[in-house]
C-alpha cells in the first residue's frame, strides 16, 4: 500500500508528500507538516490528511487548522 499527505491551505490544494510505503514514515511527516502549519503566521485555514492509494483517509489522520484572520 502506498500513502500520500494531502493538504489544503488557505483554499489551495496540493500533494504535500507521496510515495510512502511505510505508514509510520507518513505519520511522522504528517505531524511535522501539521506543526508547521499551526505555527505559520500566514495560514488562516488548512486541512491535512494521510490518504492511501485509493484516496481513503487513514482514520485519525485528518486535521483542521484555523487561525483568526487579522483585522485590517
PDB file of N, CA and C in Angstrom:
ATOM      1  N   UNK A   1       0.856  -1.174   0.000  1.00  0.00           N
ATOM      2  CA  UNK A   1       0.000   0.000   0.000  1.00  0.00           C
ATOM      3  C   UNK A   1       0.896   1.230   0.000  1.00  0.00           C
ATOM      4  N   UNK A   2       0.518   2.226  -0.779  1.00  0.00           N
ATOM      5  CA  UNK A   2       1.236   3.497  -0.795  1.00  0.00           C
ATOM      6  C   UNK A   2       0.367   4.565  -0.161  1.00  0.00           C
ATOM      7  N   UNK A   3       1.035   5.566   0.436  1.00  0.00           N
ATOM      8  CA  UNK A   3       0.346   6.633   1.152  1.00  0.00           C
ATOM      9  C   UNK A   3       0.843   7.988   0.670  1.00  0.00           C
ATOM     10  N   UNK A   4      -0.033   8.994   0.809  1.00  0.00           N
ATOM     11  CA  UNK A   4       0.328  10.371   0.470  1.00  0.00           C
ATOM     12  C   UNK A   4      -0.240  11.296   1.533  1.00  0.00           C
ATOM     13  N   UNK A   5       0.361  12.462   1.644  1.00  0.00           N
ATOM     14  CA  UNK A   5      -0.139  13.502   2.535  1.00  0.00           C
ATOM     15  C   UNK A   5      -0.711  14.599   1.649  1.00  0.00           C
ATOM     16  N   UNK A   6      -1.985  14.892   1.857  1.00  0.00           N
ATOM     17  CA  UNK A   6      -2.692  15.902   1.074  1.00  0.00           C
ATOM     18  C   UNK A   6      -2.981  17.086   1.980  1.00  0.00           C
ATOM     19  N   UNK A   7      -2.852  18.290   1.425  1.00  0.00           N
ATOM     20  CA  UNK A   7      -3.132  19.483   2.222  1.00  0.00           C
ATOM     21  C   UNK A   7      -3.959  20.471   1.406  1.00  0.00           C
ATOM     22  N   UNK A   8      -4.730  21.259   2.121  1.00  0.00           N
ATOM     23  CA  UNK A   8      -5.438  22.392   1.531  1.00  0.00           C
ATOM     24  C   UNK A   8      -5.178  23.566   2.464  1.00  0.00           C
ATOM     25  N   UNK A   9      -4.406  24.532   1.992  1.00  0.00           N
ATOM     26  CA  UNK A   9      -4.003  25.666   2.826  1.00  0.00           C
ATOM     27  C   UNK A   9      -4.559  26.937   2.202  1.00  0.00           C
ATOM     28  N   UNK A  10      -5.365  27.651   2.983  1.00  0.00           N
ATOM     29  CA  UNK A  10      -5.995  28.890   2.516  1.00  0.00           C
ATOM     30  C   UNK A  10      -6.694  28.679   1.173  1.00  0.00           C
ATOM     31  N   UNK A  11      -7.299  27.505   0.988  1.00  0.00           N
ATOM     32  CA  UNK A  11      -8.056  27.208  -0.221  1.00  0.00           C
ATOM     33  C   UNK A  11      -7.261  26.638  -1.376  1.00  0.00           C
ATOM     34  N   UNK A  12      -5.961  26.427  -1.198  1.00  0.00           N
ATOM     35  CA  UNK A  12      -5.111  25.890  -2.266  1.00  0.00           C
ATOM     36  C   UNK A  12      -4.732  24.445  -1.956  1.00  0.00           C
ATOM     37  N   UNK A  13      -5.146  23.534  -2.841  1.00  0.00           N
ATOM     38  CA  UNK A  13      -4.898  22.104  -2.665  1.00  0.00           C
ATOM     39  C   UNK A  13      -3.531  21.712  -3.214  1.00  0.00           C
ATOM     40  N   UNK A  14      -2.909  20.717  -2.548  1.00  0.00           N
ATOM     41  CA  UNK A  14      -1.621  20.210  -3.029  1.00  0.00           C
ATOM     42  C   UNK A  14      -1.331  18.854  -2.388  1.00  0.00           C
ATOM     43  N   UNK A  15      -0.528  18.077  -3.090  1.00  0.00           N
ATOM     44  CA  UNK A  15       0.029  16.862  -2.501  1.00  0.00           C
ATOM     45  C   UNK A  15       1.307  17.300  -1.798  1.00  0.00           C
ATOM     46  N   UNK A  16       1.327  17.186  -0.477  1.00  0.00           N
ATOM     47  CA  UNK A  16       2.489  17.633   0.284  1.00  0.00           C
ATOM     48  C   UNK A  16       3.639  16.633   0.172  1.00  0.00           C
ATOM     49  N   UNK A  17       3.313  15.350   0.153  1.00  0.00           N
ATOM     50  CA  UNK A  17       4.321  14.293   0.033  1.00  0.00           C
ATOM     51  C   UNK A  17       3.606  13.034  -0.439  1.00  0.00           C
ATOM     52  N   UNK A  18       4.330  12.192  -1.172  1.00  0.00           N
ATOM     53  CA  UNK A  18       3.705  10.969  -1.678  1.00  0.00           C
ATOM     54  C   UNK A  18       4.726   9.859  -1.798  1.00  0.00           C
ATOM     55  N   UNK A  19       4.221   8.653  -2.026  1.00  0.00           N
ATOM     56  CA  UNK A  19       5.095   7.511  -2.260  1.00  0.00           C
ATOM     57  C   UNK A  19       5.535   6.779  -1.006  1.00  0.00           C
ATOM     58  N   UNK A  20       4.944   7.083   0.132  1.00  0.00           N
ATOM     59  CA  UNK A  20       5.302   6.368   1.359  1.00  0.00           C
ATOM     60  C   UNK A  20       4.794   4.932   1.278  1.00  0.00           C
ATOM     61  N   UNK A  21       5.637   3.979   1.579  1.00  0.00           N
ATOM     62  CA  UNK A  21       5.197   2.597   1.657  1.00  0.00           C
ATOM     63  C   UNK A  21       5.103   2.134   3.113  1.00  0.00           C
ATOM     64  N   UNK A  22       5.671   2.926   4.010  1.00  0.00           N
ATOM     65  CA  UNK A  22       5.617   2.651   5.450  1.00  0.00           C
ATOM     66  C   UNK A  22       4.719   3.705   6.085  1.00  0.00           C
ATOM     67  N   UNK A  23       3.607   3.281   6.656  1.00  0.00           N
ATOM     68  CA  UNK A  23       2.649   4.225   7.249  1.00  0.00           C
ATOM     69  C   UNK A  23       3.285   5.033   8.370  1.00  0.00           C
ATOM     70  N   UNK A  24       4.233   4.455   9.098  1.00  0.00           N
ATOM     71  CA  UNK A  24       4.883   5.197  10.187  1.00  0.00           C
ATOM     72  C   UNK A  24       5.675   6.384   9.660  1.00  0.00           C
ATOM     73  N   UNK A  25       6.325   6.252   8.523  1.00  0.00           N
ATOM     74  CA  UNK A  25       7.034   7.388   7.918  1.00  0.00           C
ATOM     75  C   UNK A  25       6.045   8.461   7.479  1.00  0.00           C
ATOM     76  N   UNK A  26       4.925   8.051   6.943  1.00  0.00           N
ATOM     77  CA  UNK A  26       3.892   9.016   6.544  1.00  0.00           C
ATOM     78  C   UNK A  26       3.372   9.766   7.769  1.00  0.00           C
ATOM     79  N   UNK A  27       3.180   9.071   8.870  1.00  0.00           N
ATOM     80  CA  UNK A  27       2.677   9.705  10.095  1.00  0.00           C
ATOM     81  C   UNK A  27       3.663  10.746  10.627  1.00  0.00           C
ATOM     82  N   UNK A  28       4.950  10.449  10.603  1.00  0.00           N
ATOM     83  CA  UNK A  28       5.966  11.400  11.072  1.00  0.00           C
ATOM     84  C   UNK A  28       5.927  12.666  10.222  1.00  0.00           C
ATOM     85  N   UNK A  29       5.865  12.505   8.907  1.00  0.00           N
ATOM     86  CA  UNK A  29       5.807  13.657   8.012  1.00  0.00           C
ATOM     87  C   UNK A  29       4.512  14.434   8.183  1.00  0.00           C
ATOM     88  N   UNK A  30       3.409  13.747   8.384  1.00  0.00           N
ATOM     89  CA  UNK A  30       2.109  14.370   8.629  1.00  0.00           C
ATOM     90  C   UNK A  30       2.172  15.272   9.863  1.00  0.00           C
ATOM     91  N   UNK A  31       2.695  14.738  10.960  1.00  0.00           N
ATOM     92  CA  UNK A  31       2.769  15.522  12.199  1.00  0.00           C
ATOM     93  C   UNK A  31       3.685  16.734  12.039  1.00  0.00           C
ATOM     94  N   UNK A  32       4.780  16.572  11.310  1.00  0.00           N
ATOM     95  CA  UNK A  32       5.680  17.702  11.061  1.00  0.00           C
ATOM     96  C   UNK A  32       5.006  18.793  10.250  1.00  0.00           C
ATOM     97  N   UNK A  33       4.248  18.405   9.228  1.00  0.00           N
ATOM     98  CA  UNK A  33       3.531  19.388   8.411  1.00  0.00           C
ATOM     99  C   UNK A  33       2.462  20.090   9.228  1.00  0.00           C
ATOM    100  N   UNK A  34       1.715  19.344  10.025  1.00  0.00           N
ATOM    101  CA  UNK A  34       0.688  19.966  10.875  1.00  0.00           C
ATOM    102  C   UNK A  34       1.311  20.977  11.837  1.00  0.00           C
ATOM    103  N   UNK A  35       2.432  20.621  12.422  1.00  0.00           N
ATOM    104  CA  UNK A  35       3.107  21.531  13.340  1.00  0.00           C
ATOM    105  C   UNK A  35       3.526  22.812  12.621  1.00  0.00           C
ATOM    106  N   UNK A  36       4.075  22.668  11.433  1.00  0.00           N
ATOM    107  CA  UNK A  36       4.488  23.842  10.657  1.00  0.00           C
ATOM    108  C   UNK A  36       3.310  24.736  10.324  1.00  0.00           C
ATOM    109  N   UNK A  37       2.191  24.127   9.942  1.00  0.00           N
ATOM    110  CA  UNK A  37       1.019  24.928   9.584  1.00  0.00           C
ATOM    111  C   UNK A  37       0.399  25.609  10.797  1.00  0.00           C
ATOM    112  N   UNK A  38       0.402  24.944  11.947  1.00  0.00           N
ATOM    113  CA  UNK A  38      -0.104  25.581  13.167  1.00  0.00           C
ATOM    114  C   UNK A  38       0.746  26.798  13.538  1.00  0.00           C
ATOM    115  N   UNK A  39       2.026  26.766  13.247  1.00  0.00           N
ATOM    116  CA  UNK A  39       2.932  27.852  13.619  1.00  0.00           C
ATOM    117  C   UNK A  39       3.106  28.914  12.538  1.00  0.00           C
ATOM    118  N   UNK A  40       2.587  28.697  11.343  1.00  0.00           N
ATOM    119  CA  UNK A  40       2.779  29.640  10.238  1.00  0.00           C
ATOM    120  C   UNK A  40       1.832  30.838  10.388  1.00  0.00           C
ATOM    121  N   UNK A  41       2.372  32.049  10.404  1.00  0.00           N
ATOM    122  CA  UNK A  41       1.520  33.228  10.598  1.00  0.00           C
ATOM    123  C   UNK A  41       0.626  33.546   9.398  1.00  0.00           C
ATOM    124  N   UNK A  42       0.952  33.023   8.229  1.00  0.00           N
ATOM    125  CA  UNK A  42       0.163  33.331   7.034  1.00  0.00           C
ATOM    126  C   UNK A  42      -0.879  32.261   6.712  1.00  0.00           C
ATOM    127  N   UNK A  43      -1.057  31.277   7.587  1.00  0.00           N
ATOM    128  CA  UNK A  43      -2.058  30.229   7.378  1.00  0.00           C
ATOM    129  C   UNK A  43      -3.300  30.576   8.191  1.00  0.00           C
ATOM    130  N   UNK A  44      -4.418  30.769   7.489  1.00  0.00           N
ATOM    131  CA  UNK A  44      -5.676  31.076   8.165  1.00  0.00           C
ATOM    132  C   UNK A  44      -6.542  29.834   8.309  1.00  0.00           C
ATOM    133  N   UNK A  45      -6.565  28.998   7.272  1.00  0.00           N
ATOM    134  CA  UNK A  45      -7.267  27.725   7.349  1.00  0.00           C
ATOM    135  C   UNK A  45      -6.430  26.667   6.629  1.00  0.00           C
ATOM    136  N   UNK A  46      -6.498  25.469   7.135  1.00  0.00           N
ATOM    137  CA  UNK A  46      -5.787  24.367   6.492  1.00  0.00           C
ATOM    138  C   UNK A  46      -6.440  23.050   6.901  1.00  0.00           C
ATOM    139  N   UNK A  47      -6.309  22.081   6.042  1.00  0.00           N
ATOM    140  CA  UNK A  47      -6.722  20.713   6.336  1.00  0.00           C
ATOM    141  C   UNK A  47      -5.619  19.812   5.796  1.00  0.00           C
ATOM    142  N   UNK A  48      -5.182  18.886   6.605  1.00  0.00           N
ATOM    143  CA  UNK A  48      -4.114  17.964   6.224  1.00  0.00           C
ATOM    144  C   UNK A  48      -4.608  16.549   6.511  1.00  0.00           C
ATOM    145  N   UNK A  49      -4.318  15.616   5.605  1.00  0.00           N
ATOM    146  CA  UNK A  49      -4.703  14.234   5.860  1.00  0.00           C
ATOM    147  C   UNK A  49      -3.728  13.279   5.181  1.00  0.00           C
ATOM    148  N   UNK A  50      -3.725  12.055   5.686  1.00  0.00           N
ATOM    149  CA  UNK A  50      -2.993  10.973   5.035  1.00  0.00           C
ATOM    150  C   UNK A  50      -4.028  10.138   4.300  1.00  0.00           C
ATOM    151  N   UNK A  51      -3.759   9.861   3.019  1.00  0.00           N
ATOM    152  CA  UNK A  51      -4.648   9.016   2.229  1.00  0.00           C
ATOM    153  C   UNK A  51      -3.859   7.831   1.685  1.00  0.00           C
ATOM    154  N   UNK A  52      -4.589   6.752   1.423  1.00  0.00           N
ATOM    155  CA  UNK A  52      -3.939   5.603   0.793  1.00  0.00           C
ATOM    156  C   UNK A  52      -4.083   5.711  -0.719  1.00  0.00           C
ATOM    157  N   UNK A  53      -3.627   4.711  -1.440  1.00  0.00           N
ATOM    158  CA  UNK A  53      -3.633   4.774  -2.904  1.00  0.00           C
ATOM    159  C   UNK A  53      -5.037   4.733  -3.495  1.00  0.00           C
ATOM    160  N   UNK A  54      -6.048   4.463  -2.663  1.00  0.00           N
ATOM    161  CA  UNK A  54      -7.444   4.507  -3.090  1.00  0.00           C
ATOM    162  C   UNK A  54      -8.121   5.807  -2.673  1.00  0.00           C
ATOM    163  N   UNK A  55      -7.324   6.751  -2.190  1.00  0.00           N
ATOM    164  CA  UNK A  55      -7.782   8.061  -1.699  1.00  0.00           C
ATOM    165  C   UNK A  55      -8.693   7.950  -0.479  1.00  0.00           C
ATOM    166  N   UNK A  56      -8.524   6.890   0.290  1.00  0.00           N
ATOM    167  CA  UNK A  56      -9.246   6.752   1.548  1.00  0.00           C
ATOM    168  C   UNK A  56      -8.403   7.368   2.656  1.00  0.00           C
ATOM    169  N   UNK A  57      -9.035   8.193   3.474  1.00  0.00           N
ATOM    170  CA  UNK A  57      -8.314   8.837   4.577  1.00  0.00           C
ATOM    171  C   UNK A  57      -8.020   7.796   5.651  1.00  0.00           C
ATOM    172  N   UNK A  58      -6.778   7.790   6.122  1.00  0.00           N
ATOM    173  CA  UNK A  58      -6.383   6.897   7.209  1.00  0.00           C
ATOM    174  C   UNK A  58      -7.060   7.399   8.483  1.00  0.00           C
ATOM    175  N   UNK A  59      -7.855   6.568   9.156  1.00  0.00           N
ATOM    176  CA  UNK A  59      -8.590   7.015  10.353  1.00  0.00           C
ATOM    177  C   UNK A  59      -7.672   7.663  11.392  1.00  0.00           C
ATOM    178  N   UNK A  60      -8.084   8.823  11.878  1.00  0.00           N
ATOM    179  CA  UNK A  60      -7.330   9.545  12.899  1.00  0.00           C
ATOM    180  C   UNK A  60      -6.263  10.467  12.347  1.00  0.00           C
ATOM    181  N   UNK A  61      -6.139  10.552  11.017  1.00  0.00           N
ATOM    182  CA  UNK A  61      -5.087  11.367  10.420  1.00  0.00           C
ATOM    183  C   UNK A  61      -5.650  12.403   9.457  1.00  0.00           C
ATOM    184  N   UNK A  62      -6.587  13.186   9.967  1.00  0.00           N
ATOM    185  CA  UNK A  62      -7.091  14.367   9.272  1.00  0.00           C
ATOM    186  C   UNK A  62      -7.177  15.467  10.316  1.00  0.00           C
ATOM    187  N   UNK A  63      -6.551  16.579  10.029  1.00  0.00           N
ATOM    188  CA  UNK A  63      -6.519  17.674  10.997  1.00  0.00           C
ATOM    189  C   UNK A  63      -6.957  18.974  10.334  1.00  0.00           C
ATOM    190  N   UNK A  64      -7.835  19.697  11.032  1.00  0.00           N
ATOM    191  CA  UNK A  64      -8.263  21.014  10.596  1.00  0.00           C
ATOM    192  C   UNK A  64      -7.518  22.060  11.410  1.00  0.00           C
ATOM    193  N   UNK A  65      -7.013  23.066  10.730  1.00  0.00           N
ATOM    194  CA  UNK A  65      -6.244  24.140  11.363  1.00  0.00           C
ATOM    195  C   UNK A  65      -6.952  25.442  11.036  1.00  0.00           C
ATOM    196  N   UNK A  66      -7.181  26.254  12.045  1.00  0.00           N
ATOM    197  CA  UNK A  66      -7.877  27.511  11.821  1.00  0.00           C
ATOM    198  C   UNK A  66      -7.313  28.582  12.745  1.00  0.00           C
ATOM    199  N   UNK A  67      -6.939  29.693  12.145  1.00  0.00           N
ATOM    200  CA  UNK A  67      -6.468  30.850  12.903  1.00  0.00           C
ATOM    201  C   UNK A  67      -7.356  32.045  12.578  1.00  0.00           C
ATOM    202  N   UNK A  68      -7.444  32.953  13.489  1.00  0.00           N
ATOM    203  CA  UNK A  68      -8.213  34.167  13.248  1.00  0.00           C
ATOM    204  C   UNK A  68      -7.566  35.000  12.143  1.00  0.00           C
ATOM    205  N   UNK A  69      -8.390  35.530  11.270  1.00  0.00           N
ATOM    206  CA  UNK A  69      -7.891  36.417  10.219  1.00  0.00           C
ATOM    207  C   UNK A  69      -7.652  37.788  10.847  1.00  0.00           C
ATOM    208  N   UNK A  70      -6.461  38.359  10.671  1.00  0.00           N
ATOM    209  CA  UNK A  70      -6.182  39.659  11.299  1.00  0.00           C
ATOM    210  C   UNK A  70      -7.068  40.752  10.713  1.00  0.00           C
ATOM    211  N   UNK A  71      -7.474  41.651  11.582  1.00  0.00           N
ATOM    212  CA  UNK A  71      -8.302  42.776  11.132  1.00  0.00           C
ATOM    213  C   UNK A  71      -7.424  43.804  10.444  1.00  0.00           C
ATOM    214  N   UNK A  72      -7.990  44.458   9.464  1.00  0.00           N
ATOM    215  CA  UNK A  72      -7.233  45.429   8.676  1.00  0.00           C
ATOM    216  C   UNK A  72      -7.324  46.799   9.271  1.00  0.00           C
TER     217      UNK A  72
END
